[in-house]
Amino acid sequence: MAVHNERKQAVRETYRTHAKDTGSAPVQVAVLTDRIQHLTAHLQKFPKDHATRRGLLQMVGRRASLLRWYARTSPEAYKGLIEKLGIRR
């Protein structure tokens, strides 16, 4: 659990917009992307872990809805974020 919190904190520091930013859309998308990548690797190792697969699909949906909202509200920042994260839409 401590390793996950350290990774999450490092991602937050990378994508935050100000010193106390922990919940803005870019930070949430970055944290979800990191977790999605981690769970994808886990599922490649354990393909029958259906509970994790369901959680992964929920995270992908949550990230997609955040990205749709972010693309509507701030298109230039959205383009920069997806380039920085290396995700395509």
PDB file of N, CA and C in Angstrom:
ATOM      1  N   MET A   1       0.824  -1.190   0.000  1.00  0.00           N
ATOM      2  CA  MET A   1       0.000   0.000   0.000  1.00  0.00           C
ATOM      3  C   MET A   1       0.868   1.255   0.000  1.00  0.00           C
ATOM      4  N   ALA A   2       1.976   1.238   0.708  1.00  0.00           N
ATOM      5  CA  ALA A   2       2.836   2.413   0.772  1.00  0.00           C
ATOM      6  C   ALA A   2       3.455   2.711  -0.590  1.00  0.00           C
ATOM      7  N   VAL A   3       3.764   1.681  -1.358  1.00  0.00           N
ATOM      8  CA  VAL A   3       4.345   1.888  -2.679  1.00  0.00           C
ATOM      9  C   VAL A   3       3.337   2.581  -3.588  1.00  0.00           C
ATOM     10  N   HIS A   4       2.080   2.160  -3.520  1.00  0.00           N
ATOM     11  CA  HIS A   4       1.035   2.777  -4.340  1.00  0.00           C
ATOM     12  C   HIS A   4       0.865   4.255  -3.976  1.00  0.00           C
ATOM     13  N   ASN A   5       0.883   4.577  -2.681  1.00  0.00           N
ATOM     14  CA  ASN A   5       0.732   5.965  -2.245  1.00  0.00           C
ATOM     15  C   ASN A   5       1.911   6.818  -2.704  1.00  0.00           C
ATOM     16  N   GLU A   6       3.104   6.258  -2.683  1.00  0.00           N
ATOM     17  CA  GLU A   6       4.279   7.001  -3.140  1.00  0.00           C
ATOM     18  C   GLU A   6       4.192   7.273  -4.637  1.00  0.00           C
ATOM     19  N   ARG A   7       3.758   6.279  -5.410  1.00  0.00           N
ATOM     20  CA  ARG A   7       3.598   6.467  -6.860  1.00  0.00           C
ATOM     21  C   ARG A   7       2.536   7.510  -7.141  1.00  0.00           C
ATOM     22  N   LYS A   8       1.430   7.457  -6.411  1.00  0.00           N
ATOM     23  CA  LYS A   8       0.347   8.411  -6.604  1.00  0.00           C
ATOM     24  C   LYS A   8       0.820   9.830  -6.282  1.00  0.00           C
ATOM     25  N   GLN A   9       1.580   9.968  -5.217  1.00  0.00           N
ATOM     26  CA  GLN A   9       2.093  11.281  -4.832  1.00  0.00           C
ATOM     27  C   GLN A   9       3.053  11.823  -5.890  1.00  0.00           C
ATOM     28  N   ALA A  10       3.891  10.958  -6.454  1.00  0.00           N
ATOM     29  CA  ALA A  10       4.821  11.392  -7.500  1.00  0.00           C
ATOM     30  C   ALA A  10       4.063  11.849  -8.746  1.00  0.00           C
ATOM     31  N   VAL A  11       3.010  11.144  -9.100  1.00  0.00           N
ATOM     32  CA  VAL A  11       2.202  11.540 -10.256  1.00  0.00           C
ATOM     33  C   VAL A  11       1.515  12.866  -9.982  1.00  0.00           C
ATOM     34  N   ARG A  12       0.998  13.036  -8.787  1.00  0.00           N
ATOM     35  CA  ARG A  12       0.339  14.299  -8.436  1.00  0.00           C
ATOM     36  C   ARG A  12       1.308  15.469  -8.545  1.00  0.00           C
ATOM     37  N   GLU A  13       2.527  15.289  -8.064  1.00  0.00           N
ATOM     38  CA  GLU A  13       3.510  16.365  -8.124  1.00  0.00           C
ATOM     39  C   GLU A  13       3.869  16.718  -9.558  1.00  0.00           C
ATOM     40  N   THR A  14       3.853  15.730 -10.442  1.00  0.00           N
ATOM     41  CA  THR A  14       4.208  15.968 -11.835  1.00  0.00           C
ATOM     42  C   THR A  14       3.125  16.753 -12.569  1.00  0.00           C
ATOM     43  N   TYR A  15       1.853  16.463 -12.315  1.00  0.00           N
ATOM     44  CA  TYR A  15       0.761  17.026 -13.098  1.00  0.00           C
ATOM     45  C   TYR A  15      -0.025  18.123 -12.398  1.00  0.00           C
ATOM     46  N   ARG A  16       0.354  18.525 -11.213  1.00  0.00           N
ATOM     47  CA  ARG A  16      -0.423  19.534 -10.507  1.00  0.00           C
ATOM     48  C   ARG A  16      -0.236  20.922 -11.124  1.00  0.00           C
ATOM     49  N   THR A  17      -1.231  21.774 -10.920  1.00  0.00           N
ATOM     50  CA  THR A  17      -1.181  23.119 -11.475  1.00  0.00           C
ATOM     51  C   THR A  17      -0.724  24.150 -10.453  1.00  0.00           C
ATOM     52  N   HIS A  18      -0.874  23.851  -9.168  1.00  0.00           N
ATOM     53  CA  HIS A  18      -0.372  24.714  -8.102  1.00  0.00           C
ATOM     54  C   HIS A  18       0.027  23.839  -6.923  1.00  0.00           C
ATOM     55  N   ALA A  19       0.548  24.432  -5.880  1.00  0.00           N
ATOM     56  CA  ALA A  19       1.168  23.680  -4.785  1.00  0.00           C
ATOM     57  C   ALA A  19       0.214  22.728  -4.070  1.00  0.00           C
ATOM     58  N   LYS A  20      -1.036  23.089  -3.912  1.00  0.00           N
ATOM     59  CA  LYS A  20      -1.977  22.244  -3.161  1.00  0.00           C
ATOM     60  C   LYS A  20      -2.959  21.505  -4.063  1.00  0.00           C
ATOM     61  N   ASP A  21      -2.638  21.382  -5.333  1.00  0.00           N
ATOM     62  CA  ASP A  21      -3.535  20.749  -6.293  1.00  0.00           C
ATOM     63  C   ASP A  21      -3.466  19.234  -6.172  1.00  0.00           C
ATOM     64  N   THR A  22      -4.571  18.618  -5.749  1.00  0.00           N
ATOM     65  CA  THR A  22      -4.632  17.160  -5.672  1.00  0.00           C
ATOM     66  C   THR A  22      -5.831  16.593  -6.407  1.00  0.00           C
ATOM     67  N   GLY A  23      -6.749  17.445  -6.865  1.00  0.00           N
ATOM     68  CA  GLY A  23      -7.973  16.909  -7.427  1.00  0.00           C
ATOM     69  C   GLY A  23      -8.409  17.514  -8.736  1.00  0.00           C
ATOM     70  N   SER A  24      -7.554  18.278  -9.393  1.00  0.00           N
ATOM     71  CA  SER A  24      -7.952  18.844 -10.680  1.00  0.00           C
ATOM     72  C   SER A  24      -8.040  17.725 -11.716  1.00  0.00           C
ATOM     73  N   ALA A  25      -8.690  18.002 -12.820  1.00  0.00           N
ATOM     74  CA  ALA A  25      -8.894  16.982 -13.855  1.00  0.00           C
ATOM     75  C   ALA A  25      -7.578  16.393 -14.371  1.00  0.00           C
ATOM     76  N   PRO A  26      -6.553  17.203 -14.669  1.00  0.00           N
ATOM     77  CA  PRO A  26      -5.307  16.593 -15.146  1.00  0.00           C
ATOM     78  C   PRO A  26      -4.670  15.648 -14.129  1.00  0.00           C
ATOM     79  N   VAL A  27      -4.754  16.006 -12.871  1.00  0.00           N
ATOM     80  CA  VAL A  27      -4.181  15.151 -11.822  1.00  0.00           C
ATOM     81  C   VAL A  27      -4.976  13.856 -11.721  1.00  0.00           C
ATOM     82  N   GLN A  28      -6.297  13.944 -11.755  1.00  0.00           N
ATOM     83  CA  GLN A  28      -7.118  12.741 -11.677  1.00  0.00           C
ATOM     84  C   GLN A  28      -6.877  11.824 -12.864  1.00  0.00           C
ATOM     85  N   VAL A  29      -6.781  12.406 -14.058  1.00  0.00           N
ATOM     86  CA  VAL A  29      -6.535  11.604 -15.257  1.00  0.00           C
ATOM     87  C   VAL A  29      -5.162  10.940 -15.180  1.00  0.00           C
ATOM     88  N   ALA A  30      -4.170  11.664 -14.703  1.00  0.00           N
ATOM     89  CA  ALA A  30      -2.819  11.109 -14.598  1.00  0.00           C
ATOM     90  C   ALA A  30      -2.770   9.962 -13.587  1.00  0.00           C
ATOM     91  N   VAL A  31      -3.429  10.119 -12.452  1.00  0.00           N
ATOM     92  CA  VAL A  31      -3.455   9.057 -11.440  1.00  0.00           C
ATOM     93  C   VAL A  31      -4.184   7.834 -11.981  1.00  0.00           C
ATOM     94  N   LEU A  32      -5.310   8.061 -12.650  1.00  0.00           N
ATOM     95  CA  LEU A  32      -6.049   6.938 -13.238  1.00  0.00           C
ATOM     96  C   LEU A  32      -5.228   6.240 -14.320  1.00  0.00           C
ATOM     97  N   THR A  33      -4.513   6.998 -15.130  1.00  0.00           N
ATOM     98  CA  THR A  33      -3.681   6.412 -16.180  1.00  0.00           C
ATOM     99  C   THR A  33      -2.588   5.551 -15.588  1.00  0.00           C
ATOM    100  N   ASP A  34      -1.962   6.024 -14.525  1.00  0.00           N
ATOM    101  CA  ASP A  34      -0.919   5.236 -13.865  1.00  0.00           C
ATOM    102  C   ASP A  34      -1.490   3.938 -13.310  1.00  0.00           C
ATOM    103  N   ARG A  35      -2.650   4.024 -12.683  1.00  0.00           N
ATOM    104  CA  ARG A  35      -3.293   2.837 -12.109  1.00  0.00           C
ATOM    105  C   ARG A  35      -3.749   1.878 -13.218  1.00  0.00           C
ATOM    106  N   ILE A  36      -4.262   2.411 -14.324  1.00  0.00           N
ATOM    107  CA  ILE A  36      -4.687   1.581 -15.447  1.00  0.00           C
ATOM    108  C   ILE A  36      -3.504   0.822 -16.031  1.00  0.00           C
ATOM    109  N   GLN A  37      -2.386   1.484 -16.178  1.00  0.00           N
ATOM    110  CA  GLN A  37      -1.194   0.815 -16.707  1.00  0.00           C
ATOM    111  C   GLN A  37      -0.730  -0.296 -15.764  1.00  0.00           C
ATOM    112  N   HIS A  38      -0.799  -0.035 -14.473  1.00  0.00           N
ATOM    113  CA  HIS A  38      -0.400  -1.040 -13.485  1.00  0.00           C
ATOM    114  C   HIS A  38      -1.330  -2.259 -13.542  1.00  0.00           C
ATOM    115  N   LEU A  39      -2.629  -2.020 -13.605  1.00  0.00           N
ATOM    116  CA  LEU A  39      -3.585  -3.126 -13.635  1.00  0.00           C
ATOM    117  C   LEU A  39      -3.532  -3.884 -14.959  1.00  0.00           C
ATOM    118  N   THR A  40      -3.217  -3.205 -16.043  1.00  0.00           N
ATOM    119  CA  THR A  40      -3.071  -3.882 -17.329  1.00  0.00           C
ATOM    120  C   THR A  40      -1.928  -4.884 -17.271  1.00  0.00           C
ATOM    121  N   ALA A  41      -0.817  -4.477 -16.671  1.00  0.00           N
ATOM    122  CA  ALA A  41       0.314  -5.402 -16.511  1.00  0.00           C
ATOM    123  C   ALA A  41      -0.069  -6.574 -15.612  1.00  0.00           C
ATOM    124  N   HIS A  42      -0.835  -6.302 -14.562  1.00  0.00           N
ATOM    125  CA  HIS A  42      -1.281  -7.359 -13.661  1.00  0.00           C
ATOM    126  C   HIS A  42      -2.165  -8.366 -14.401  1.00  0.00           C
ATOM    127  N   LEU A  43      -3.070  -7.859 -15.236  1.00  0.00           N
ATOM    128  CA  LEU A  43      -3.983  -8.749 -15.943  1.00  0.00           C
ATOM    129  C   LEU A  43      -3.289  -9.554 -17.039  1.00  0.00           C
ATOM    130  N   GLN A  44      -2.195  -9.069 -17.560  1.00  0.00           N
ATOM    131  CA  GLN A  44      -1.435  -9.864 -18.511  1.00  0.00           C
ATOM    132  C   GLN A  44      -0.795 -11.059 -17.818  1.00  0.00           C
ATOM    133  N   LYS A  45      -0.474 -10.870 -16.553  1.00  0.00           N
ATOM    134  CA  LYS A  45       0.128 -11.946 -15.761  1.00  0.00           C
ATOM    135  C   LYS A  45      -0.941 -12.907 -15.226  1.00  0.00           C
ATOM    136  N   PHE A  46      -2.108 -12.364 -14.853  1.00  0.00           N
ATOM    137  CA  PHE A  46      -3.195 -13.153 -14.269  1.00  0.00           C
ATOM    138  C   PHE A  46      -4.482 -12.923 -15.069  1.00  0.00           C
ATOM    139  N   PRO A  47      -4.642 -13.576 -16.203  1.00  0.00           N
ATOM    140  CA  PRO A  47      -5.769 -13.293 -17.086  1.00  0.00           C
ATOM    141  C   PRO A  47      -7.139 -13.697 -16.543  1.00  0.00           C
ATOM    142  N   LYS A  48      -7.196 -14.537 -15.530  1.00  0.00           N
ATOM    143  CA  LYS A  48      -8.494 -14.974 -14.998  1.00  0.00           C
ATOM    144  C   LYS A  48      -8.978 -14.149 -13.809  1.00  0.00           C
ATOM    145  N   ASP A  49      -8.304 -13.063 -13.518  1.00  0.00           N
ATOM    146  CA  ASP A  49      -8.676 -12.195 -12.404  1.00  0.00           C
ATOM    147  C   ASP A  49      -9.796 -11.251 -12.864  1.00  0.00           C
ATOM    148  N   HIS A  50     -11.024 -11.748 -12.830  1.00  0.00           N
ATOM    149  CA  HIS A  50     -12.140 -10.999 -13.386  1.00  0.00           C
ATOM    150  C   HIS A  50     -12.562  -9.817 -12.523  1.00  0.00           C
ATOM    151  N   ALA A  51     -12.362  -9.883 -11.238  1.00  0.00           N
ATOM    152  CA  ALA A  51     -12.706  -8.756 -10.367  1.00  0.00           C
ATOM    153  C   ALA A  51     -11.822  -7.556 -10.681  1.00  0.00           C
ATOM    154  N   THR A  52     -10.552  -7.815 -10.903  1.00  0.00           N
ATOM    155  CA  THR A  52      -9.638  -6.733 -11.262  1.00  0.00           C
ATOM    156  C   THR A  52      -9.983  -6.184 -12.636  1.00  0.00           C
ATOM    157  N   ARG A  53     -10.371  -7.061 -13.569  1.00  0.00           N
ATOM    158  CA  ARG A  53     -10.748  -6.616 -14.903  1.00  0.00           C
ATOM    159  C   ARG A  53     -11.952  -5.674 -14.835  1.00  0.00           C
ATOM    160  N   ARG A  54     -12.916  -5.988 -13.981  1.00  0.00           N
ATOM    161  CA  ARG A  54     -14.089  -5.135 -13.832  1.00  0.00           C
ATOM    162  C   ARG A  54     -13.689  -3.768 -13.273  1.00  0.00           C
ATOM    163  N   GLY A  55     -12.838  -3.765 -12.270  1.00  0.00           N
ATOM    164  CA  GLY A  55     -12.356  -2.500 -11.717  1.00  0.00           C
ATOM    165  C   GLY A  55     -11.584  -1.692 -12.740  1.00  0.00           C
ATOM    166  N   LEU A  56     -10.790  -2.371 -13.554  1.00  0.00           N
ATOM    167  CA  LEU A  56     -10.032  -1.698 -14.601  1.00  0.00           C
ATOM    168  C   LEU A  56     -10.974  -1.040 -15.603  1.00  0.00           C
ATOM    169  N   LEU A  57     -12.017  -1.743 -16.012  1.00  0.00           N
ATOM    170  CA  LEU A  57     -12.974  -1.172 -16.960  1.00  0.00           C
ATOM    171  C   LEU A  57     -13.702   0.034 -16.371  1.00  0.00           C
ATOM    172  N   GLN A  58     -13.985  -0.006 -15.077  1.00  0.00           N
ATOM    173  CA  GLN A  58     -14.607   1.140 -14.434  1.00  0.00           C
ATOM    174  C   GLN A  58     -13.666   2.344 -14.431  1.00  0.00           C
ATOM    175  N   MET A  59     -12.378   2.093 -14.179  1.00  0.00           N
ATOM    176  CA  MET A  59     -11.400   3.183 -14.192  1.00  0.00           C
ATOM    177  C   MET A  59     -11.251   3.776 -15.590  1.00  0.00           C
ATOM    178  N   VAL A  60     -11.259   2.920 -16.598  1.00  0.00           N
ATOM    179  CA  VAL A  60     -11.155   3.402 -17.978  1.00  0.00           C
ATOM    180  C   VAL A  60     -12.352   4.288 -18.312  1.00  0.00           C
ATOM    181  N   GLY A  61     -13.532   3.882 -17.888  1.00  0.00           N
ATOM    182  CA  GLY A  61     -14.724   4.693 -18.119  1.00  0.00           C
ATOM    183  C   GLY A  61     -14.676   6.019 -17.392  1.00  0.00           C
ATOM    184  N   ARG A  62     -14.204   6.006 -16.165  1.00  0.00           N
ATOM    185  CA  ARG A  62     -14.101   7.239 -15.388  1.00  0.00           C
ATOM    186  C   ARG A  62     -13.102   8.188 -16.043  1.00  0.00           C
ATOM    187  N   ARG A  63     -11.962   7.638 -16.503  1.00  0.00           N
ATOM    188  CA  ARG A  63     -10.956   8.464 -17.170  1.00  0.00           C
ATOM    189  C   ARG A  63     -11.508   9.035 -18.474  1.00  0.00           C
ATOM    190  N   ALA A  64     -12.257   8.226 -19.217  1.00  0.00           N
ATOM    191  CA  ALA A  64     -12.829   8.703 -20.476  1.00  0.00           C
ATOM    192  C   ALA A  64     -13.795   9.856 -20.245  1.00  0.00           C
ATOM    193  N   SER A  65     -14.612   9.763 -19.211  1.00  0.00           N
ATOM    194  CA  SER A  65     -15.563  10.845 -18.954  1.00  0.00           C
ATOM    195  C   SER A  65     -14.832  12.106 -18.498  1.00  0.00           C
ATOM    196  N   LEU A  66     -13.797  11.963 -17.700  1.00  0.00           N
ATOM    197  CA  LEU A  66     -12.995  13.130 -17.301  1.00  0.00           C
ATOM    198  C   LEU A  66     -12.331  13.767 -18.515  1.00  0.00           C
ATOM    199  N   LEU A  67     -11.817  12.944 -19.423  1.00  0.00           N
ATOM    200  CA  LEU A  67     -11.163  13.477 -20.614  1.00  0.00           C
ATOM    201  C   LEU A  67     -12.163  14.172 -21.536  1.00  0.00           C
ATOM    202  N   ARG A  68     -13.374  13.634 -21.657  1.00  0.00           N
ATOM    203  CA  ARG A  68     -14.394  14.301 -22.473  1.00  0.00           C
ATOM    204  C   ARG A  68     -14.717  15.682 -21.904  1.00  0.00           C
ATOM    205  N   TRP A  69     -14.877  15.759 -20.585  1.00  0.00           N
ATOM    206  CA  TRP A  69     -15.171  17.033 -19.952  1.00  0.00           C
ATOM    207  C   TRP A  69     -14.007  18.004 -20.137  1.00  0.00           C
ATOM    208  N   TYR A  70     -12.788  17.510 -19.952  1.00  0.00           N
ATOM    209  CA  TYR A  70     -11.607  18.368 -20.059  1.00  0.00           C
ATOM    210  C   TYR A  70     -11.434  18.862 -21.494  1.00  0.00           C
ATOM    211  N   ALA A  71     -11.744  18.026 -22.477  1.00  0.00           N
ATOM    212  CA  ALA A  71     -11.641  18.429 -23.876  1.00  0.00           C
ATOM    213  C   ALA A  71     -12.659  19.523 -24.205  1.00  0.00           C
ATOM    214  N   ARG A  72     -13.831  19.468 -23.601  1.00  0.00           N
ATOM    215  CA  ARG A  72     -14.851  20.496 -23.830  1.00  0.00           C
ATOM    216  C   ARG A  72     -14.474  21.818 -23.180  1.00  0.00           C
ATOM    217  N   THR A  73     -13.949  21.756 -21.963  1.00  0.00           N
ATOM    218  CA  THR A  73     -13.710  22.986 -21.213  1.00  0.00           C
ATOM    219  C   THR A  73     -12.396  23.662 -21.568  1.00  0.00           C
ATOM    220  N   SER A  74     -11.374  22.883 -21.909  1.00  0.00           N
ATOM    221  CA  SER A  74     -10.065  23.470 -22.176  1.00  0.00           C
ATOM    222  C   SER A  74      -9.324  22.626 -23.220  1.00  0.00           C
ATOM    223  N   PRO A  75      -9.626  22.825 -24.497  1.00  0.00           N
ATOM    224  CA  PRO A  75      -9.094  21.962 -25.558  1.00  0.00           C
ATOM    225  C   PRO A  75      -7.567  21.970 -25.687  1.00  0.00           C
ATOM    226  N   GLU A  76      -6.945  23.132 -25.517  1.00  0.00           N
ATOM    227  CA  GLU A  76      -5.485  23.201 -25.664  1.00  0.00           C
ATOM    228  C   GLU A  76      -4.780  22.445 -24.540  1.00  0.00           C
ATOM    229  N   ALA A  77      -5.250  22.619 -23.328  1.00  0.00           N
ATOM    230  CA  ALA A  77      -4.661  21.907 -22.194  1.00  0.00           C
ATOM    231  C   ALA A  77      -4.901  20.407 -22.315  1.00  0.00           C
ATOM    232  N   TYR A  78      -6.058  20.048 -22.861  1.00  0.00           N
ATOM    233  CA  TYR A  78      -6.387  18.638 -23.082  1.00  0.00           C
ATOM    234  C   TYR A  78      -5.378  18.007 -24.040  1.00  0.00           C
ATOM    235  N   LYS A  79      -5.103  18.689 -25.153  1.00  0.00           N
ATOM    236  CA  LYS A  79      -4.144  18.156 -26.124  1.00  0.00           C
ATOM    237  C   LYS A  79      -2.767  17.977 -25.499  1.00  0.00           C
ATOM    238  N   GLY A  80      -2.357  18.934 -24.696  1.00  0.00           N
ATOM    239  CA  GLY A  80      -1.068  18.821 -24.016  1.00  0.00           C
ATOM    240  C   GLY A  80      -1.034  17.664 -23.028  1.00  0.00           C
ATOM    241  N   LEU A  81      -2.146  17.469 -22.332  1.00  0.00           N
ATOM    242  CA  LEU A  81      -2.213  16.394 -21.340  1.00  0.00           C
ATOM    243  C   LEU A  81      -2.122  15.022 -21.994  1.00  0.00           C
ATOM    244  N   ILE A  82      -2.867  14.799 -23.071  1.00  0.00           N
ATOM    245  CA  ILE A  82      -2.829  13.467 -23.682  1.00  0.00           C
ATOM    246  C   ILE A  82      -1.480  13.195 -24.334  1.00  0.00           C
ATOM    247  N   GLU A  83      -0.819  14.249 -24.824  1.00  0.00           N
ATOM    248  CA  GLU A  83       0.529  14.055 -25.361  1.00  0.00           C
ATOM    249  C   GLU A  83       1.507  13.709 -24.247  1.00  0.00           C
ATOM    250  N   LYS A  84       1.392  14.404 -23.137  1.00  0.00           N
ATOM    251  CA  LYS A  84       2.296  14.182 -22.008  1.00  0.00           C
ATOM    252  C   LYS A  84       2.099  12.786 -21.402  1.00  0.00           C
ATOM    253  N   LEU A  85       0.844  12.328 -21.349  1.00  0.00           N
ATOM    254  CA  LEU A  85       0.547  11.012 -20.786  1.00  0.00           C
ATOM    255  C   LEU A  85       0.806   9.891 -21.772  1.00  0.00           C
ATOM    256  N   GLY A  86       0.829  10.216 -23.047  1.00  0.00           N
ATOM    257  CA  GLY A  86       1.050   9.192 -24.053  1.00  0.00           C
ATOM    258  C   GLY A  86      -0.192   8.348 -24.333  1.00  0.00           C
ATOM    259  N   ILE A  87      -1.373   8.942 -24.133  1.00  0.00           N
ATOM    260  CA  ILE A  87      -2.601   8.232 -24.453  1.00  0.00           C
ATOM    261  C   ILE A  87      -3.194   8.872 -25.705  1.00  0.00           C
ATOM    262  N   ARG A  88      -3.951   8.106 -26.443  1.00  0.00           N
ATOM    263  CA  ARG A  88      -4.530   8.655 -27.675  1.00  0.00           C
ATOM    264  C   ARG A  88      -6.035   8.615 -27.584  1.00  0.00           C
ATOM    265  N   ARG A  89      -6.647   9.609 -28.205  1.00  0.00           N
ATOM    266  CA  ARG A  89      -8.096   9.676 -28.289  1.00  0.00           C
ATOM    267  C   ARG A  89      -8.461  10.293 -29.587  1.00  0.00           C
TER     268      ARG A  89
END
